[in-house]
Amino acid sequence: MKKYLFVVFSVFLAGSTFAQDFVRGGNYVTVGYGVNPWGYRGAGNAFGTYKKTTLGPIIATYERGVTDILGIGRIGAGGGISQTFFTEKYNYGTFEDVYRTSRLAFTARAAYHFEFGVEKMDVYAGVGGGVYLLFDEDVVYNIFTDSYVTTRDTRIGGGHYVFGGIRYYFTSAFGVYAEVGHGHRVASGGVVFAF
């Protein structure tokens, strides 16, 4: 009985310490946080102060391996969702202006995963595109009249994303990733789950 338990434990341990490569039929989910240079408006002017803050994007993606080896790698395809928040504050003495935008992005993407034969590592590059839902709110406070004027707007936009990244697996089902790109975000990182 002890030998049987030892064999089962050894098989489980071996399966959890060696990562699977990117494979056809494999499913990969990433959850991460990114850096986004996208924003609104200029920097104000010499008569006032200006402050801009950004949160996000907060990102979740899904990818599935769709091909066997083609050349020196495999192709994966999937999509993702992300949420970014922007705030700009202007103070010109006689009035204050707070401009908030949130961007909800739905993206489709495809990547080529290179087969370098390095255990636990997945290097990839790809392209994607998406639709953005932008929710704007502009609140202006006038000191002289002690009044607020609020305007709200919803817009739809679109854009591209060209990217490259690396994943490193600690087990066959869990790892970390880092990604750089142009378009939707300049960099992101987080965790990856494979099943």
Foldseek 3Di string as FASTA:
>chain_A
DVVVVVVVVVVVVVQFQFADAQAAFKKKKWWWWFAAPDDDDDQDDPQKHKDKDKGTFTKMWMKHFHDHDDPFFTKIWTKIKTKMKMWMWIDRPQKIKIKIKMKIKIKIKMKTWGNPPDIQKTKIWIKMKIKIKMKMKMWMAGPVVRDIDIDIDIDMDMKMKTKIKMWGHRTRFKTKMKMAIPMPGGIMIGMMGMD
